Amino acid sequence: MSPYVPLLIMLALGAGFAAVSVIATSLIGPARYNRAKLEAYECGIEPSPQASGGGKVPIKFYLIAMLFIIFDIETVFLFPFAIAFNQLGLFAVVEVLLFVAAVLAAYAYVWRRGGLDWD
């Protein structure tokens, strides 16, 4: 049990700090509510029931989000290789080079098809 004591102490300190912060802000902070504070934040634009342009959201937003997620996850897969580089042999280096080639091929395909244009 002794190896877990520092972890439990840090957990208790973190939970205590969070609880004290929430209680202190509700007690100390000003409670001046007005119409603007009670509305949902919409980047300075008045919220409306429909999106501008007839209620349709451009598919480009979703494509950019999906491309970001895909390339971000592929990049995350490179971190274990970078950490264990000294212990891995030639086979792992070849595998990572093939992986990077596949990522670059996908990137070139998306770029060529105009998936990265904001227009």
PDB file of N, CA and C in Angstrom:
ATOM      1  N   MET A   1       0.817  -1.205   0.000  1.00  0.00           N
ATOM      2  CA  MET A   1       0.000   0.000   0.000  1.00  0.00           C
ATOM      3  C   MET A   1       0.855   1.261   0.000  1.00  0.00           C
ATOM      4  N   SER A   2       2.083   1.166   0.506  1.00  0.00           N
ATOM      5  CA  SER A   2       2.921   2.367   0.616  1.00  0.00           C
ATOM      6  C   SER A   2       3.273   2.994  -0.730  1.00  0.00           C
ATOM      7  N   PRO A   3       3.411   2.246  -1.841  1.00  0.00           N
ATOM      8  CA  PRO A   3       3.706   2.944  -3.106  1.00  0.00           C
ATOM      9  C   PRO A   3       2.548   3.811  -3.597  1.00  0.00           C
ATOM     10  N   TYR A   4       1.342   3.524  -3.139  1.00  0.00           N
ATOM     11  CA  TYR A   4       0.173   4.271  -3.597  1.00  0.00           C
ATOM     12  C   TYR A   4      -0.134   5.500  -2.746  1.00  0.00           C
ATOM     13  N   VAL A   5       0.527   5.653  -1.630  1.00  0.00           N
ATOM     14  CA  VAL A   5       0.235   6.785  -0.735  1.00  0.00           C
ATOM     15  C   VAL A   5       0.495   8.123  -1.421  1.00  0.00           C
ATOM     16  N   PRO A   6       1.641   8.336  -2.089  1.00  0.00           N
ATOM     17  CA  PRO A   6       1.827   9.627  -2.768  1.00  0.00           C
ATOM     18  C   PRO A   6       0.771   9.882  -3.847  1.00  0.00           C
ATOM     19  N   LEU A   7       0.371   8.841  -4.556  1.00  0.00           N
ATOM     20  CA  LEU A   7      -0.657   8.989  -5.572  1.00  0.00           C
ATOM     21  C   LEU A   7      -1.994   9.384  -4.943  1.00  0.00           C
ATOM     22  N   LEU A   8      -2.340   8.752  -3.846  1.00  0.00           N
ATOM     23  CA  LEU A   8      -3.588   9.091  -3.163  1.00  0.00           C
ATOM     24  C   LEU A   8      -3.547  10.506  -2.593  1.00  0.00           C
ATOM     25  N   ILE A   9      -2.376  10.910  -2.099  1.00  0.00           N
ATOM     26  CA  ILE A   9      -2.242  12.279  -1.581  1.00  0.00           C
ATOM     27  C   ILE A   9      -2.429  13.291  -2.706  1.00  0.00           C
ATOM     28  N   MET A  10      -1.810  13.037  -3.869  1.00  0.00           N
ATOM     29  CA  MET A  10      -1.971  13.962  -4.999  1.00  0.00           C
ATOM     30  C   MET A  10      -3.417  13.983  -5.496  1.00  0.00           C
ATOM     31  N   LEU A  11      -4.072  12.833  -5.499  1.00  0.00           N
ATOM     32  CA  LEU A  11      -5.469  12.771  -5.897  1.00  0.00           C
ATOM     33  C   LEU A  11      -6.340  13.571  -4.931  1.00  0.00           C
ATOM     34  N   ALA A  12      -6.087  13.434  -3.649  1.00  0.00           N
ATOM     35  CA  ALA A  12      -6.850  14.181  -2.649  1.00  0.00           C
ATOM     36  C   ALA A  12      -6.587  15.685  -2.777  1.00  0.00           C
ATOM     37  N   LEU A  13      -5.330  16.070  -3.009  1.00  0.00           N
ATOM     38  CA  LEU A  13      -5.013  17.490  -3.179  1.00  0.00           C
ATOM     39  C   LEU A  13      -5.698  18.057  -4.430  1.00  0.00           C
ATOM     40  N   GLY A  14      -5.691  17.322  -5.512  1.00  0.00           N
ATOM     41  CA  GLY A  14      -6.352  17.788  -6.731  1.00  0.00           C
ATOM     42  C   GLY A  14      -7.855  17.924  -6.549  1.00  0.00           C
ATOM     43  N   ALA A  15      -8.487  16.932  -5.931  1.00  0.00           N
ATOM     44  CA  ALA A  15      -9.928  16.999  -5.691  1.00  0.00           C
ATOM     45  C   ALA A  15     -10.257  18.137  -4.722  1.00  0.00           C
ATOM     46  N   GLY A  16      -9.420  18.321  -3.711  1.00  0.00           N
ATOM     47  CA  GLY A  16      -9.642  19.417  -2.762  1.00  0.00           C
ATOM     48  C   GLY A  16      -9.509  20.772  -3.422  1.00  0.00           C
ATOM     49  N   PHE A  17      -8.499  20.926  -4.273  1.00  0.00           N
ATOM     50  CA  PHE A  17      -8.323  22.190  -4.975  1.00  0.00           C
ATOM     51  C   PHE A  17      -9.505  22.477  -5.892  1.00  0.00           C
ATOM     52  N   ALA A  18      -9.996  21.466  -6.590  1.00  0.00           N
ATOM     53  CA  ALA A  18     -11.144  21.657  -7.478  1.00  0.00           C
ATOM     54  C   ALA A  18     -12.382  22.057  -6.672  1.00  0.00           C
ATOM     55  N   ALA A  19     -12.622  21.378  -5.566  1.00  0.00           N
ATOM     56  CA  ALA A  19     -13.793  21.696  -4.744  1.00  0.00           C
ATOM     57  C   ALA A  19     -13.692  23.104  -4.161  1.00  0.00           C
ATOM     58  N   VAL A  20     -12.515  23.466  -3.651  1.00  0.00           N
ATOM     59  CA  VAL A  20     -12.337  24.808  -3.084  1.00  0.00           C
ATOM     60  C   VAL A  20     -12.494  25.870  -4.169  1.00  0.00           C
ATOM     61  N   SER A  21     -11.997  25.619  -5.373  1.00  0.00           N
ATOM     62  CA  SER A  21     -12.123  26.592  -6.456  1.00  0.00           C
ATOM     63  C   SER A  21     -13.576  26.814  -6.847  1.00  0.00           C
ATOM     64  N   VAL A  22     -14.347  25.741  -6.953  1.00  0.00           N
ATOM     65  CA  VAL A  22     -15.757  25.877  -7.326  1.00  0.00           C
ATOM     66  C   VAL A  22     -16.526  26.625  -6.247  1.00  0.00           C
ATOM     67  N   ILE A  23     -16.292  26.291  -5.002  1.00  0.00           N
ATOM     68  CA  ILE A  23     -17.004  26.956  -3.902  1.00  0.00           C
ATOM     69  C   ILE A  23     -16.586  28.418  -3.794  1.00  0.00           C
ATOM     70  N   ALA A  24     -15.275  28.696  -3.924  1.00  0.00           N
ATOM     71  CA  ALA A  24     -14.796  30.073  -3.798  1.00  0.00           C
ATOM     72  C   ALA A  24     -15.333  30.967  -4.913  1.00  0.00           C
ATOM     73  N   THR A  25     -15.407  30.474  -6.129  1.00  0.00           N
ATOM     74  CA  THR A  25     -15.916  31.322  -7.204  1.00  0.00           C
ATOM     75  C   THR A  25     -17.392  31.632  -7.039  1.00  0.00           C
ATOM     76  N   SER A  26     -18.152  30.682  -6.505  1.00  0.00           N
ATOM     77  CA  SER A  26     -19.571  30.974  -6.298  1.00  0.00           C
ATOM     78  C   SER A  26     -19.784  31.927  -5.129  1.00  0.00           C
ATOM     79  N   LEU A  27     -18.900  31.931  -4.150  1.00  0.00           N
ATOM     80  CA  LEU A  27     -19.043  32.829  -2.997  1.00  0.00           C
ATOM     81  C   LEU A  27     -18.444  34.209  -3.256  1.00  0.00           C
ATOM     82  N   ILE A  28     -17.295  34.257  -3.891  1.00  0.00           N
ATOM     83  CA  ILE A  28     -16.578  35.517  -4.061  1.00  0.00           C
ATOM     84  C   ILE A  28     -16.984  36.257  -5.326  1.00  0.00           C
ATOM     85  N   GLY A  29     -17.220  35.536  -6.408  1.00  0.00           N
ATOM     86  CA  GLY A  29     -17.486  36.154  -7.708  1.00  0.00           C
ATOM     87  C   GLY A  29     -18.779  36.940  -7.737  1.00  0.00           C
ATOM     88  N   PRO A  30     -18.824  37.985  -8.579  1.00  0.00           N
ATOM     89  CA  PRO A  30     -20.051  38.778  -8.692  1.00  0.00           C
ATOM     90  C   PRO A  30     -21.147  37.977  -9.403  1.00  0.00           C
ATOM     91  N   ALA A  31     -22.370  38.228  -8.999  1.00  0.00           N
ATOM     92  CA  ALA A  31     -23.517  37.525  -9.588  1.00  0.00           C
ATOM     93  C   ALA A  31     -24.411  38.529 -10.299  1.00  0.00           C
ATOM     94  N   ARG A  32     -23.831  39.281 -11.222  1.00  0.00           N
ATOM     95  CA  ARG A  32     -24.593  40.262 -11.983  1.00  0.00           C
ATOM     96  C   ARG A  32     -24.964  39.661 -13.324  1.00  0.00           C
ATOM     97  N   TYR A  33     -26.147  39.141 -13.434  1.00  0.00           N
ATOM     98  CA  TYR A  33     -26.593  38.523 -14.670  1.00  0.00           C
ATOM     99  C   TYR A  33     -27.353  39.546 -15.509  1.00  0.00           C
ATOM    100  N   ASN A  34     -27.129  39.496 -16.803  1.00  0.00           N
ATOM    101  CA  ASN A  34     -27.884  40.324 -17.718  1.00  0.00           C
ATOM    102  C   ASN A  34     -28.261  39.468 -18.928  1.00  0.00           C
ATOM    103  N   ARG A  35     -28.956  40.056 -19.858  1.00  0.00           N
ATOM    104  CA  ARG A  35     -29.466  39.310 -21.012  1.00  0.00           C
ATOM    105  C   ARG A  35     -28.335  38.714 -21.841  1.00  0.00           C
ATOM    106  N   ALA A  36     -27.248  39.469 -22.007  1.00  0.00           N
ATOM    107  CA  ALA A  36     -26.143  38.990 -22.833  1.00  0.00           C
ATOM    108  C   ALA A  36     -25.432  37.797 -22.188  1.00  0.00           C
ATOM    109  N   LYS A  37     -25.300  37.796 -20.873  1.00  0.00           N
ATOM    110  CA  LYS A  37     -24.626  36.685 -20.205  1.00  0.00           C
ATOM    111  C   LYS A  37     -25.455  35.417 -20.199  1.00  0.00           C
ATOM    112  N   LEU A  38     -26.751  35.547 -20.228  1.00  0.00           N
ATOM    113  CA  LEU A  38     -27.616  34.377 -20.177  1.00  0.00           C
ATOM    114  C   LEU A  38     -27.833  33.723 -21.544  1.00  0.00           C
ATOM    115  N   GLU A  39     -27.432  34.392 -22.635  1.00  0.00           N
ATOM    116  CA  GLU A  39     -27.598  33.816 -23.963  1.00  0.00           C
ATOM    117  C   GLU A  39     -26.422  32.903 -24.296  1.00  0.00           C
ATOM    118  N   ALA A  40     -26.655  31.995 -25.217  1.00  0.00           N
ATOM    119  CA  ALA A  40     -25.593  31.110 -25.676  1.00  0.00           C
ATOM    120  C   ALA A  40     -24.566  31.918 -26.454  1.00  0.00           C
ATOM    121  N   TYR A  41     -23.304  31.556 -26.311  1.00  0.00           N
ATOM    122  CA  TYR A  41     -22.228  32.263 -27.008  1.00  0.00           C
ATOM    123  C   TYR A  41     -22.192  31.834 -28.467  1.00  0.00           C
ATOM    124  N   GLU A  42     -22.293  32.810 -29.369  1.00  0.00           N
ATOM    125  CA  GLU A  42     -22.315  32.531 -30.800  1.00  0.00           C
ATOM    126  C   GLU A  42     -21.313  33.409 -31.549  1.00  0.00           C
ATOM    127  N   CYS A  43     -20.173  33.668 -30.963  1.00  0.00           N
ATOM    128  CA  CYS A  43     -19.107  34.448 -31.608  1.00  0.00           C
ATOM    129  C   CYS A  43     -19.554  35.847 -31.998  1.00  0.00           C
ATOM    130  N   GLY A  44     -20.405  36.464 -31.232  1.00  0.00           N
ATOM    131  CA  GLY A  44     -20.840  37.819 -31.509  1.00  0.00           C
ATOM    132  C   GLY A  44     -21.972  37.910 -32.494  1.00  0.00           C
ATOM    133  N   ILE A  45     -22.431  36.807 -33.025  1.00  0.00           N
ATOM    134  CA  ILE A  45     -23.532  36.796 -33.979  1.00  0.00           C
ATOM    135  C   ILE A  45     -24.795  36.410 -33.225  1.00  0.00           C
ATOM    136  N   GLU A  46     -25.863  37.112 -33.506  1.00  0.00           N
ATOM    137  CA  GLU A  46     -27.120  36.776 -32.854  1.00  0.00           C
ATOM    138  C   GLU A  46     -27.534  35.352 -33.233  1.00  0.00           C
ATOM    139  N   PRO A  47     -27.844  34.520 -32.252  1.00  0.00           N
ATOM    140  CA  PRO A  47     -28.247  33.155 -32.578  1.00  0.00           C
ATOM    141  C   PRO A  47     -29.573  33.135 -33.325  1.00  0.00           C
ATOM    142  N   SER A  48     -29.683  32.242 -34.268  1.00  0.00           N
ATOM    143  CA  SER A  48     -30.907  32.111 -35.047  1.00  0.00           C
ATOM    144  C   SER A  48     -31.296  30.639 -35.093  1.00  0.00           C
ATOM    145  N   PRO A  49     -32.572  30.355 -35.324  1.00  0.00           N
ATOM    146  CA  PRO A  49     -32.978  28.948 -35.355  1.00  0.00           C
ATOM    147  C   PRO A  49     -32.405  28.172 -36.536  1.00  0.00           C
ATOM    148  N   GLN A  50     -32.079  28.855 -37.635  1.00  0.00           N
ATOM    149  CA  GLN A  50     -31.508  28.195 -38.798  1.00  0.00           C
ATOM    150  C   GLN A  50     -30.163  28.815 -39.136  1.00  0.00           C
ATOM    151  N   ALA A  51     -29.315  28.011 -39.705  1.00  0.00           N
ATOM    152  CA  ALA A  51     -28.022  28.531 -40.151  1.00  0.00           C
ATOM    153  C   ALA A  51     -28.234  29.458 -41.344  1.00  0.00           C
ATOM    154  N   SER A  52     -27.334  30.397 -41.520  1.00  0.00           N
ATOM    155  CA  SER A  52     -27.452  31.299 -42.660  1.00  0.00           C
ATOM    156  C   SER A  52     -27.307  30.506 -43.951  1.00  0.00           C
ATOM    157  N   GLY A  53     -28.056  30.872 -44.954  1.00  0.00           N
ATOM    158  CA  GLY A  53     -28.004  30.175 -46.232  1.00  0.00           C
ATOM    159  C   GLY A  53     -29.044  29.085 -46.342  1.00  0.00           C
ATOM    160  N   GLY A  54     -30.117  29.181 -45.591  1.00  0.00           N
ATOM    161  CA  GLY A  54     -31.197  28.223 -45.741  1.00  0.00           C
ATOM    162  C   GLY A  54     -31.121  27.018 -44.835  1.00  0.00           C
ATOM    163  N   GLY A  55     -30.271  27.030 -43.824  1.00  0.00           N
ATOM    164  CA  GLY A  55     -30.225  25.925 -42.887  1.00  0.00           C
ATOM    165  C   GLY A  55     -29.265  24.817 -43.252  1.00  0.00           C
ATOM    166  N   LYS A  56     -28.556  24.949 -44.339  1.00  0.00           N
ATOM    167  CA  LYS A  56     -27.607  23.920 -44.733  1.00  0.00           C
ATOM    168  C   LYS A  56     -26.206  24.321 -44.296  1.00  0.00           C
ATOM    169  N   VAL A  57     -25.502  23.379 -43.719  1.00  0.00           N
ATOM    170  CA  VAL A  57     -24.118  23.607 -43.324  1.00  0.00           C
ATOM    171  C   VAL A  57     -23.235  23.012 -44.419  1.00  0.00           C
ATOM    172  N   PRO A  58     -22.254  23.756 -44.894  1.00  0.00           N
ATOM    173  CA  PRO A  58     -21.399  23.224 -45.962  1.00  0.00           C
ATOM    174  C   PRO A  58     -20.689  21.944 -45.527  1.00  0.00           C
ATOM    175  N   ILE A  59     -20.649  20.976 -46.403  1.00  0.00           N
ATOM    176  CA  ILE A  59     -20.007  19.704 -46.122  1.00  0.00           C
ATOM    177  C   ILE A  59     -18.504  19.864 -45.938  1.00  0.00           C
ATOM    178  N   LYS A  60     -17.962  20.999 -46.404  1.00  0.00           N
ATOM    179  CA  LYS A  60     -16.522  21.257 -46.300  1.00  0.00           C
ATOM    180  C   LYS A  60     -16.050  21.245 -44.849  1.00  0.00           C
ATOM    181  N   PHE A  61     -16.890  21.723 -43.934  1.00  0.00           N
ATOM    182  CA  PHE A  61     -16.512  21.715 -42.520  1.00  0.00           C
ATOM    183  C   PHE A  61     -16.287  20.294 -42.024  1.00  0.00           C
ATOM    184  N   TYR A  62     -17.164  19.398 -42.408  1.00  0.00           N
ATOM    185  CA  TYR A  62     -17.043  18.017 -41.962  1.00  0.00           C
ATOM    186  C   TYR A  62     -15.851  17.330 -42.627  1.00  0.00           C
ATOM    187  N   LEU A  63     -15.596  17.628 -43.883  1.00  0.00           N
ATOM    188  CA  LEU A  63     -14.456  17.030 -44.562  1.00  0.00           C
ATOM    189  C   LEU A  63     -13.139  17.462 -43.929  1.00  0.00           C
ATOM    190  N   ILE A  64     -13.025  18.744 -43.619  1.00  0.00           N
ATOM    191  CA  ILE A  64     -11.802  19.239 -42.982  1.00  0.00           C
ATOM    192  C   ILE A  64     -11.626  18.600 -41.610  1.00  0.00           C
ATOM    193  N   ALA A  65     -12.710  18.467 -40.864  1.00  0.00           N
ATOM    194  CA  ALA A  65     -12.626  17.847 -39.537  1.00  0.00           C
ATOM    195  C   ALA A  65     -12.184  16.390 -39.644  1.00  0.00           C
ATOM    196  N   MET A  66     -12.751  15.658 -40.586  1.00  0.00           N
ATOM    197  CA  MET A  66     -12.384  14.256 -40.748  1.00  0.00           C
ATOM    198  C   MET A  66     -10.935  14.119 -41.210  1.00  0.00           C
ATOM    199  N   LEU A  67     -10.502  14.981 -42.109  1.00  0.00           N
ATOM    200  CA  LEU A  67      -9.106  14.929 -42.544  1.00  0.00           C
ATOM    201  C   LEU A  67      -8.161  15.228 -41.392  1.00  0.00           C
ATOM    202  N   PHE A  68      -8.519  16.195 -40.564  1.00  0.00           N
ATOM    203  CA  PHE A  68      -7.687  16.507 -39.405  1.00  0.00           C
ATOM    204  C   PHE A  68      -7.597  15.315 -38.477  1.00  0.00           C
ATOM    205  N   ILE A  69      -8.717  14.669 -38.202  1.00  0.00           N
ATOM    206  CA  ILE A  69      -8.709  13.516 -37.301  1.00  0.00           C
ATOM    207  C   ILE A  69      -7.866  12.383 -37.879  1.00  0.00           C
ATOM    208  N   ILE A  70      -8.035  12.109 -39.157  1.00  0.00           N
ATOM    209  CA  ILE A  70      -7.287  11.016 -39.777  1.00  0.00           C
ATOM    210  C   ILE A  70      -5.786  11.276 -39.724  1.00  0.00           C
ATOM    211  N   PHE A  71      -5.351  12.450 -40.153  1.00  0.00           N
ATOM    212  CA  PHE A  71      -3.917  12.727 -40.165  1.00  0.00           C
ATOM    213  C   PHE A  71      -3.363  12.895 -38.759  1.00  0.00           C
ATOM    214  N   ASP A  72      -4.172  13.362 -37.831  1.00  0.00           N
ATOM    215  CA  ASP A  72      -3.730  13.489 -36.452  1.00  0.00           C
ATOM    216  C   ASP A  72      -3.513  12.117 -35.834  1.00  0.00           C
ATOM    217  N   ILE A  73      -4.415  11.196 -36.061  1.00  0.00           N
ATOM    218  CA  ILE A  73      -4.274   9.841 -35.512  1.00  0.00           C
ATOM    219  C   ILE A  73      -3.087   9.137 -36.149  1.00  0.00           C
ATOM    220  N   GLU A  74      -2.886   9.322 -37.422  1.00  0.00           N
ATOM    221  CA  GLU A  74      -1.724   8.716 -38.062  1.00  0.00           C
ATOM    222  C   GLU A  74      -0.423   9.269 -37.497  1.00  0.00           C
ATOM    223  N   THR A  75      -0.421  10.531 -37.147  1.00  0.00           N
ATOM    224  CA  THR A  75       0.771  11.113 -36.531  1.00  0.00           C
ATOM    225  C   THR A  75       0.991  10.548 -35.135  1.00  0.00           C
ATOM    226  N   VAL A  76      -0.080  10.310 -34.403  1.00  0.00           N
ATOM    227  CA  VAL A  76       0.038   9.760 -33.052  1.00  0.00           C
ATOM    228  C   VAL A  76       0.659   8.371 -33.096  1.00  0.00           C
ATOM    229  N   PHE A  77       0.429   7.621 -34.154  1.00  0.00           N
ATOM    230  CA  PHE A  77       1.016   6.297 -34.268  1.00  0.00           C
ATOM    231  C   PHE A  77       2.535   6.340 -34.411  1.00  0.00           C
ATOM    232  N   LEU A  78       3.088   7.481 -34.754  1.00  0.00           N
ATOM    233  CA  LEU A  78       4.534   7.596 -34.888  1.00  0.00           C
ATOM    234  C   LEU A  78       5.240   7.801 -33.545  1.00  0.00           C
ATOM    235  N   PHE A  79       4.538   8.226 -32.511  1.00  0.00           N
ATOM    236  CA  PHE A  79       5.173   8.483 -31.223  1.00  0.00           C
ATOM    237  C   PHE A  79       5.780   7.232 -30.586  1.00  0.00           C
ATOM    238  N   PRO A  80       5.097   6.082 -30.547  1.00  0.00           N
ATOM    239  CA  PRO A  80       5.761   4.908 -29.971  1.00  0.00           C
ATOM    240  C   PRO A  80       7.036   4.524 -30.709  1.00  0.00           C
ATOM    241  N   PHE A  81       7.039   4.692 -32.018  1.00  0.00           N
ATOM    242  CA  PHE A  81       8.258   4.410 -32.768  1.00  0.00           C
ATOM    243  C   PHE A  81       9.375   5.362 -32.353  1.00  0.00           C
ATOM    244  N   ALA A  82       9.061   6.625 -32.191  1.00  0.00           N
ATOM    245  CA  ALA A  82      10.081   7.601 -31.814  1.00  0.00           C
ATOM    246  C   ALA A  82      10.643   7.308 -30.419  1.00  0.00           C
ATOM    247  N   ILE A  83       9.795   6.820 -29.536  1.00  0.00           N
ATOM    248  CA  ILE A  83      10.251   6.533 -28.172  1.00  0.00           C
ATOM    249  C   ILE A  83      11.133   5.291 -28.139  1.00  0.00           C
ATOM    250  N   ALA A  84      10.763   4.260 -28.885  1.00  0.00           N
ATOM    251  CA  ALA A  84      11.490   2.988 -28.849  1.00  0.00           C
ATOM    252  C   ALA A  84      12.431   2.832 -30.034  1.00  0.00           C
ATOM    253  N   PHE A  85      12.882   3.923 -30.621  1.00  0.00           N
ATOM    254  CA  PHE A  85      13.704   3.857 -31.830  1.00  0.00           C
ATOM    255  C   PHE A  85      14.998   3.078 -31.614  1.00  0.00           C
ATOM    256  N   ASN A  86      15.657   3.269 -30.482  1.00  0.00           N
ATOM    257  CA  ASN A  86      16.952   2.623 -30.244  1.00  0.00           C
ATOM    258  C   ASN A  86      16.820   1.112 -30.067  1.00  0.00           C
ATOM    259  N   GLN A  87      15.694   0.622 -29.561  1.00  0.00           N
ATOM    260  CA  GLN A  87      15.515  -0.800 -29.329  1.00  0.00           C
ATOM    261  C   GLN A  87      15.014  -1.549 -30.564  1.00  0.00           C
ATOM    262  N   LEU A  88      14.503  -0.852 -31.540  1.00  0.00           N
ATOM    263  CA  LEU A  88      13.920  -1.498 -32.713  1.00  0.00           C
ATOM    264  C   LEU A  88      14.983  -1.756 -33.768  1.00  0.00           C
ATOM    265  N   GLY A  89      14.732  -2.751 -34.560  1.00  0.00           N
ATOM    266  CA  GLY A  89      15.696  -3.105 -35.590  1.00  0.00           C
ATOM    267  C   GLY A  89      15.340  -2.520 -36.944  1.00  0.00           C
ATOM    268  N   LEU A  90      15.974  -3.064 -37.961  1.00  0.00           N
ATOM    269  CA  LEU A  90      15.772  -2.591 -39.324  1.00  0.00           C
ATOM    270  C   LEU A  90      14.350  -2.837 -39.814  1.00  0.00           C
ATOM    271  N   PHE A  91      13.747  -3.935 -39.373  1.00  0.00           N
ATOM    272  CA  PHE A  91      12.375  -4.251 -39.781  1.00  0.00           C
ATOM    273  C   PHE A  91      11.411  -3.137 -39.367  1.00  0.00           C
ATOM    274  N   ALA A  92      11.559  -2.624 -38.142  1.00  0.00           N
ATOM    275  CA  ALA A  92      10.678  -1.554 -37.659  1.00  0.00           C
ATOM    276  C   ALA A  92      10.904  -0.271 -38.448  1.00  0.00           C
ATOM    277  N   VAL A  93      12.134   0.006 -38.811  1.00  0.00           N
ATOM    278  CA  VAL A  93      12.428   1.213 -39.586  1.00  0.00           C
ATOM    279  C   VAL A  93      11.762   1.121 -40.957  1.00  0.00           C
ATOM    280  N   VAL A  94      11.831  -0.047 -41.583  1.00  0.00           N
ATOM    281  CA  VAL A  94      11.200  -0.232 -42.886  1.00  0.00           C
ATOM    282  C   VAL A  94       9.683  -0.101 -42.757  1.00  0.00           C
ATOM    283  N   GLU A  95       9.106  -0.673 -41.703  1.00  0.00           N
ATOM    284  CA  GLU A  95       7.660  -0.581 -41.487  1.00  0.00           C
ATOM    285  C   GLU A  95       7.223   0.873 -41.307  1.00  0.00           C
ATOM    286  N   VAL A  96       7.972   1.645 -40.550  1.00  0.00           N
ATOM    287  CA  VAL A  96       7.607   3.047 -40.326  1.00  0.00           C
ATOM    288  C   VAL A  96       7.766   3.840 -41.614  1.00  0.00           C
ATOM    289  N   LEU A  97       8.779   3.534 -42.399  1.00  0.00           N
ATOM    290  CA  LEU A  97       8.934   4.223 -43.680  1.00  0.00           C
ATOM    291  C   LEU A  97       7.762   3.910 -44.615  1.00  0.00           C
ATOM    292  N   LEU A  98       7.296   2.671 -44.611  1.00  0.00           N
ATOM    293  CA  LEU A  98       6.113   2.326 -45.403  1.00  0.00           C
ATOM    294  C   LEU A  98       4.874   3.049 -44.879  1.00  0.00           C
ATOM    295  N   PHE A  99       4.756   3.144 -43.563  1.00  0.00           N
ATOM    296  CA  PHE A  99       3.625   3.855 -42.966  1.00  0.00           C
ATOM    297  C   PHE A  99       3.641   5.332 -43.358  1.00  0.00           C
ATOM    298  N   VAL A 100       4.814   5.957 -43.270  1.00  0.00           N
ATOM    299  CA  VAL A 100       4.944   7.369 -43.641  1.00  0.00           C
ATOM    300  C   VAL A 100       4.663   7.545 -45.134  1.00  0.00           C
ATOM    301  N   ALA A 101       5.088   6.600 -45.957  1.00  0.00           N
ATOM    302  CA  ALA A 101       4.801   6.682 -47.391  1.00  0.00           C
ATOM    303  C   ALA A 101       3.296   6.608 -47.644  1.00  0.00           C
ATOM    304  N   ALA A 102       2.599   5.749 -46.906  1.00  0.00           N
ATOM    305  CA  ALA A 102       1.144   5.662 -47.059  1.00  0.00           C
ATOM    306  C   ALA A 102       0.473   6.957 -46.625  1.00  0.00           C
ATOM    307  N   VAL A 103       0.945   7.538 -45.533  1.00  0.00           N
ATOM    308  CA  VAL A 103       0.381   8.813 -45.065  1.00  0.00           C
ATOM    309  C   VAL A 103       0.627   9.912 -46.092  1.00  0.00           C
ATOM    310  N   LEU A 104       1.830   9.975 -46.635  1.00  0.00           N
ATOM    311  CA  LEU A 104       2.135  10.998 -47.642  1.00  0.00           C
ATOM    312  C   LEU A 104       1.343  10.779 -48.928  1.00  0.00           C
ATOM    313  N   ALA A 105       1.117   9.526 -49.295  1.00  0.00           N
ATOM    314  CA  ALA A 105       0.300   9.250 -50.480  1.00  0.00           C
ATOM    315  C   ALA A 105      -1.140   9.722 -50.257  1.00  0.00           C
ATOM    316  N   ALA A 106      -1.686   9.465 -49.072  1.00  0.00           N
ATOM    317  CA  ALA A 106      -3.038   9.929 -48.765  1.00  0.00           C
ATOM    318  C   ALA A 106      -3.095  11.453 -48.746  1.00  0.00           C
ATOM    319  N   TYR A 107      -2.077  12.071 -48.185  1.00  0.00           N
ATOM    320  CA  TYR A 107      -2.012  13.528 -48.144  1.00  0.00           C
ATOM    321  C   TYR A 107      -1.945  14.110 -49.549  1.00  0.00           C
ATOM    322  N   ALA A 108      -1.117  13.521 -50.406  1.00  0.00           N
ATOM    323  CA  ALA A 108      -1.001  13.995 -51.789  1.00  0.00           C
ATOM    324  C   ALA A 108      -2.329  13.811 -52.527  1.00  0.00           C
ATOM    325  N   TYR A 109      -3.022  12.711 -52.283  1.00  0.00           N
ATOM    326  CA  TYR A 109      -4.309  12.470 -52.930  1.00  0.00           C
ATOM    327  C   TYR A 109      -5.331  13.529 -52.517  1.00  0.00           C
ATOM    328  N   VAL A 110      -5.400  13.807 -51.224  1.00  0.00           N
ATOM    329  CA  VAL A 110      -6.353  14.809 -50.722  1.00  0.00           C
ATOM    330  C   VAL A 110      -5.994  16.185 -51.260  1.00  0.00           C
ATOM    331  N   TRP A 111      -4.728  16.495 -51.288  1.00  0.00           N
ATOM    332  CA  TRP A 111      -4.290  17.790 -51.792  1.00  0.00           C
ATOM    333  C   TRP A 111      -4.628  17.927 -53.278  1.00  0.00           C
ATOM    334  N   ARG A 112      -4.361  16.874 -54.045  1.00  0.00           N
ATOM    335  CA  ARG A 112      -4.636  16.896 -55.486  1.00  0.00           C
ATOM    336  C   ARG A 112      -6.122  17.039 -55.789  1.00  0.00           C
ATOM    337  N   ARG A 113      -6.975  16.415 -54.965  1.00  0.00           N
ATOM    338  CA  ARG A 113      -8.422  16.469 -55.161  1.00  0.00           C
ATOM    339  C   ARG A 113      -9.037  17.768 -54.651  1.00  0.00           C
ATOM    340  N   GLY A 114      -8.229  18.644 -54.021  1.00  0.00           N
ATOM    341  CA  GLY A 114      -8.731  19.932 -53.552  1.00  0.00           C
ATOM    342  C   GLY A 114      -9.375  19.873 -52.185  1.00  0.00           C
ATOM    343  N   GLY A 115      -9.075  18.840 -51.420  1.00  0.00           N
ATOM    344  CA  GLY A 115      -9.676  18.711 -50.095  1.00  0.00           C
ATOM    345  C   GLY A 115      -9.139  19.680 -49.083  1.00  0.00           C
ATOM    346  N   LEU A 116      -8.018  20.324 -49.363  1.00  0.00           N
ATOM    347  CA  LEU A 116      -7.435  21.275 -48.422  1.00  0.00           C
ATOM    348  C   LEU A 116      -7.674  22.727 -48.797  1.00  0.00           C
ATOM    349  N   ASP A 117      -8.438  22.977 -49.855  1.00  0.00           N
ATOM    350  CA  ASP A 117      -8.764  24.342 -50.263  1.00  0.00           C
ATOM    351  C   ASP A 117      -9.920  24.879 -49.420  1.00  0.00           C
ATOM    352  N   TRP A 118      -9.800  26.121 -48.970  1.00  0.00           N
ATOM    353  CA  TRP A 118     -10.826  26.722 -48.131  1.00  0.00           C
ATOM    354  C   TRP A 118     -11.871  27.470 -48.933  1.00  0.00           C
ATOM    355  N   ASP A 119     -11.751  27.531 -50.231  1.00  0.00           N
ATOM    356  CA  ASP A 119     -12.689  28.302 -51.057  1.00  0.00           C
ATOM    357  C   ASP A 119     -14.042  27.658 -51.120  1.00  0.00           C
TER     358      ASP A 119
END
